Structures are given as structure tokens and as C-alpha cells.
Amino acid sequence: MYLTIGITLPDDLRDALLALQNHFQDKSWEPASFLFLPLCTLGEVTQPLTLEELDHALHGLRLKEPASFVPDGFDVFTRRDRITLELRVRSPSLDHLSVKSLSAAKRAGVRNARICAPLSIPLATISAVPPEDVSAWIQLHHQIVFTTSSISEITLFRSWKNRETTLFTPEANYLFAPPGSFV
């Protein structure tokens, strides 16, 4: 199974982004199948011992305080000849958490792990539309006011990838530390 470590979105942000996806211009805008903030991808992990070590390593992640989650506007990227619309996230604590997650995965024996940079929430893949037009459409039609949230857990997502779609399923949640124990 293909694994990714990420953040489940706060409900208000998720609802706003789903509403945005429902107003895409036409069929050349393909909404992302699952909204979340990827921190690092682990790739195919099938060895039971590696999965067990990964679970143990993720349970051991600690931060001094909850991580701030600050949406910072939309961005358009060209990746593998595809245009993607993404919501940038600005958060030094989440950057640090992504590095800690990557290190924990590598210590657990995951070989192909890599960090997701820049931190952003994929919203759609767009074909046959110039990136400038996508950016202009977002700026003109959907001014969303984002609020800062605190995050205290990460999620391990499992996905089954094929050419047409990627379906992500939350597999397990991991608290950075038990509630009230931040020091």
C-alpha cells in the first residue's frame, strides 16, 4: 500500500474548500479526490515489520506545543505536465513536523520517504487551461477568508494509485503528545 503522512483539515476549512471545488469552471478542472495537507510521502510500504516500526515511531513524535495551521492563499503549480491548483500553508511548526515525520519514517525502515514541499493542499488538476487563467479565476471569483487553526495530530493515509485517480483513506491518527501534556 502507498502511504502518506499528513494533516486532516479542520472542518471549517474543509467545507470552504469543498464549496470551492463545486464551483470549478468546467470538466477540465478535476477536483482532488480527498482534501488533506500532505507532510511527507512514504511510497509503497508492505513489510509487516516496517509497518509496525512506523506505527511505533509515529506514536513517539512530540512537539512542545500544537502546530499552527495558517492557510496562505492559492497557488498554481505545473507538475509532471499537469497544472495543479493548491492552497499554500504557512507554518514553521508544520515544516518542522514534516521533517520529524520523515526522520521517524526513515528510522522505521521506510526507504523511499520524501518530504512534501512546499506545504500545500492539492485542490484540483487542471488540463488545457493556462496557469495564469486559473490563478486569475480564483482571485476574481472566490475570495475566502481563512482562519488560523491549531493542529495536535497527524494522520497516516493509505492510497491506491492508478493513472486516473488517487483515493486516499485515513489509516491511523497520531497525537504529537497526549492532550494537556505539552511542555
Protein backbone atom coordinates (compact mmCIF):
# COMPACT_ATOMS: atom_id res chain seq x y z
CA MET A 1 0.00 0.00 0.00
CA TYR A 2 1.10 3.55 -0.75
CA LEU A 3 1.39 5.66 2.43
CA THR A 4 1.40 9.40 3.07
CA ILE A 5 1.68 11.26 6.37
CA GLY A 6 -0.50 14.36 6.51
CA ILE A 7 -2.92 16.56 8.38
CA THR A 8 -6.69 16.12 8.31
CA LEU A 9 -8.18 19.54 7.65
CA PRO A 10 -10.24 21.44 10.21
CA ASP A 11 -13.96 21.15 9.37
CA ASP A 12 -14.50 24.82 8.50
CA LEU A 13 -11.57 24.85 6.07
CA ARG A 14 -12.60 21.53 4.54
CA ASP A 15 -16.17 22.80 3.99
CA ALA A 16 -14.94 26.02 2.34
CA LEU A 17 -12.63 24.09 0.00
CA LEU A 18 -15.36 21.59 -0.92
CA ALA A 19 -17.66 24.51 -1.78
CA LEU A 20 -14.89 25.96 -3.96
CA GLN A 21 -14.44 22.62 -5.74
CA ASN A 22 -18.19 22.57 -6.51
CA HIS A 23 -17.83 25.84 -8.47
CA PHE A 24 -15.00 24.90 -10.80
CA GLN A 25 -15.45 26.28 -14.31
CA ASP A 26 -15.78 23.10 -16.35
CA LYS A 27 -14.69 19.48 -16.74
CA SER A 28 -11.10 20.47 -17.42
CA TRP A 29 -10.88 21.17 -13.65
CA GLU A 30 -10.66 17.79 -11.90
CA PRO A 31 -11.17 18.14 -8.12
CA ALA A 32 -8.76 16.31 -5.82
CA SER A 33 -10.40 13.14 -4.51
CA PHE A 34 -9.51 13.81 -0.86
CA LEU A 35 -8.65 17.11 0.83
CA PHE A 36 -5.73 16.99 3.28
CA LEU A 37 -2.32 18.56 3.84
CA PRO A 38 0.44 16.08 2.91
CA LEU A 39 3.61 16.38 5.03
CA CYS A 40 5.64 13.54 3.52
CA THR A 41 5.07 10.61 1.21
CA LEU A 42 6.38 7.21 2.21
CA GLY A 43 5.70 5.31 -1.02
CA GLU A 44 4.92 1.59 -1.10
CA VAL A 45 5.32 0.04 2.33
CA THR A 46 4.31 -3.62 2.60
CA GLN A 47 6.71 -5.26 5.07
CA PRO A 48 4.81 -6.01 8.32
CA LEU A 49 7.88 -5.28 10.48
CA THR A 50 8.41 -1.89 8.80
CA LEU A 51 4.73 -1.04 9.26
CA GLU A 52 4.93 -1.96 12.94
CA GLU A 53 8.10 0.13 13.42
CA LEU A 54 6.47 3.04 11.58
CA ASP A 55 3.42 2.88 13.85
CA HIS A 56 5.66 2.90 16.92
CA ALA A 57 7.78 5.79 15.56
CA LEU A 58 4.73 7.94 14.77
CA HIS A 59 3.30 7.34 18.25
CA GLY A 60 6.57 8.72 19.63
CA LEU A 61 6.50 12.07 17.80
CA ARG A 62 6.49 15.04 20.18
CA LEU A 63 6.34 18.81 19.81
CA LYS A 64 6.44 21.40 22.59
CA GLU A 65 3.04 22.82 21.57
CA PRO A 66 0.30 22.32 18.99
CA ALA A 67 1.29 23.34 15.47
CA SER A 68 -0.29 26.42 13.95
CA PHE A 69 -2.09 25.90 10.66
CA VAL A 70 -2.16 29.11 8.61
CA PRO A 71 -3.68 28.97 5.09
CA ASP A 72 -1.80 31.49 2.96
CA GLY A 73 -3.63 31.78 -0.36
CA PHE A 74 -3.85 29.80 -3.56
CA ASP A 75 -1.02 28.87 -5.86
CA VAL A 76 -0.77 27.22 -9.26
CA PHE A 77 1.96 24.67 -9.95
CA THR A 78 2.99 22.78 -13.06
CA ARG A 79 3.94 19.25 -12.02
CA ARG A 80 4.63 16.41 -14.43
CA ASP A 81 2.99 18.34 -17.29
CA ARG A 82 -0.13 18.87 -15.19
CA ILE A 83 -1.39 22.13 -13.76
CA THR A 84 -2.41 21.84 -10.11
CA LEU A 85 -4.33 24.31 -8.01
CA GLU A 86 -3.26 24.21 -4.36
CA LEU A 87 -3.81 26.13 -1.14
CA ARG A 88 -0.46 27.13 0.41
CA VAL A 89 0.02 26.65 4.14
CA ARG A 90 2.47 28.80 6.07
CA SER A 91 3.66 27.24 9.30
CA PRO A 92 7.21 26.80 10.57
CA SER A 93 5.92 24.29 13.15
CA LEU A 94 4.34 22.16 10.39
CA ASP A 95 7.56 22.37 8.37
CA HIS A 96 9.38 21.09 11.47
CA LEU A 97 6.75 18.37 11.95
CA SER A 98 7.16 17.21 8.35
CA VAL A 99 10.92 16.83 8.89
CA LYS A 100 10.35 14.95 12.18
CA SER A 101 7.81 12.65 10.44
CA LEU A 102 10.24 11.96 7.62
CA SER A 103 13.03 11.15 10.09
CA ALA A 104 10.75 8.83 12.07
CA ALA A 105 9.74 7.01 8.88
CA LYS A 106 13.35 6.56 7.78
CA ARG A 107 14.34 5.25 11.22
CA ALA A 108 11.46 2.77 10.93
CA GLY A 109 12.97 1.42 7.71
CA VAL A 110 10.92 3.25 5.06
CA ARG A 111 13.34 3.69 2.17
CA ASN A 112 11.54 5.91 -0.37
CA ALA A 113 10.17 8.54 2.01
CA ARG A 114 10.33 12.16 0.84
CA ILE A 115 9.14 15.48 2.19
CA CYS A 116 6.27 17.35 0.53
CA ALA A 117 7.44 20.87 -0.19
CA PRO A 118 6.12 23.46 -0.32
CA LEU A 119 3.35 22.67 2.16
CA SER A 120 0.09 22.91 0.22
CA ILE A 121 -3.32 21.28 -0.03
CA PRO A 122 -4.00 19.90 -3.54
CA LEU A 123 -7.42 21.06 -4.75
CA ALA A 124 -7.53 20.18 -8.43
CA THR A 125 -5.67 19.08 -11.51
CA ILE A 126 -6.44 21.33 -14.44
CA SER A 127 -5.89 20.42 -18.08
CA ALA A 128 -5.91 22.69 -21.12
CA VAL A 129 -6.04 25.89 -19.09
CA PRO A 130 -3.03 28.22 -18.77
CA PRO A 131 -1.85 28.62 -15.14
CA GLU A 132 -2.36 32.40 -15.33
CA ASP A 133 -6.05 31.89 -16.17
CA VAL A 134 -6.51 29.53 -13.22
CA SER A 135 -4.89 32.00 -10.86
CA ALA A 136 -6.99 34.89 -12.20
CA TRP A 137 -10.22 32.87 -11.88
CA ILE A 138 -9.52 32.04 -8.24
CA GLN A 139 -8.65 35.64 -7.39
CA LEU A 140 -11.73 37.07 -9.09
CA HIS A 141 -14.40 34.58 -8.07
CA HIS A 142 -13.51 33.12 -4.72
CA GLN A 143 -12.21 35.37 -2.03
CA ILE A 144 -12.12 33.09 1.02
CA VAL A 145 -11.08 34.37 4.42
CA PHE A 146 -9.04 31.73 6.19
CA THR A 147 -8.56 31.41 9.93
CA THR A 148 -5.56 30.06 11.80
CA SER A 149 -6.09 26.68 13.48
CA SER A 150 -4.07 24.59 15.92
CA ILE A 151 -3.18 21.03 14.96
CA SER A 152 -2.18 18.41 17.52
CA GLU A 153 -2.27 15.22 15.47
CA ILE A 154 -1.10 13.78 12.19
CA THR A 155 -2.77 11.12 10.09
CA LEU A 156 -1.30 8.21 8.18
CA PHE A 157 -3.14 7.93 4.85
CA ARG A 158 -3.26 4.86 2.65
CA SER A 159 -3.93 5.20 -1.04
CA TRP A 160 -4.44 3.06 -4.08
CA LYS A 161 -2.98 4.93 -7.02
CA ASN A 162 -3.70 4.48 -10.67
CA ARG A 163 -3.50 6.73 -13.72
CA GLU A 164 -6.98 8.14 -13.43
CA THR A 165 -7.33 8.80 -9.73
CA THR A 166 -5.78 8.61 -6.32
CA LEU A 167 -8.09 7.63 -3.49
CA PHE A 168 -6.79 8.42 0.00
CA THR A 169 -8.14 6.70 3.11
CA PRO A 170 -7.21 7.73 6.66
CA GLU A 171 -5.47 4.75 8.26
CA ALA A 172 -4.47 5.98 11.76
CA ASN A 173 -4.19 9.22 13.75
CA TYR A 174 -1.23 10.05 15.99
CA LEU A 175 -1.19 12.77 18.66
CA PHE A 176 2.03 14.76 18.96
CA ALA A 177 1.59 14.28 22.73
CA PRO A 178 -1.38 13.45 24.96
CA PRO A 179 -3.77 16.43 25.40
CA GLY A 180 -2.60 18.81 28.13
CA SER A 181 0.93 17.39 28.20
CA PHE A 182 2.68 20.00 26.04
CA VAL A 183 5.70 21.29 27.87
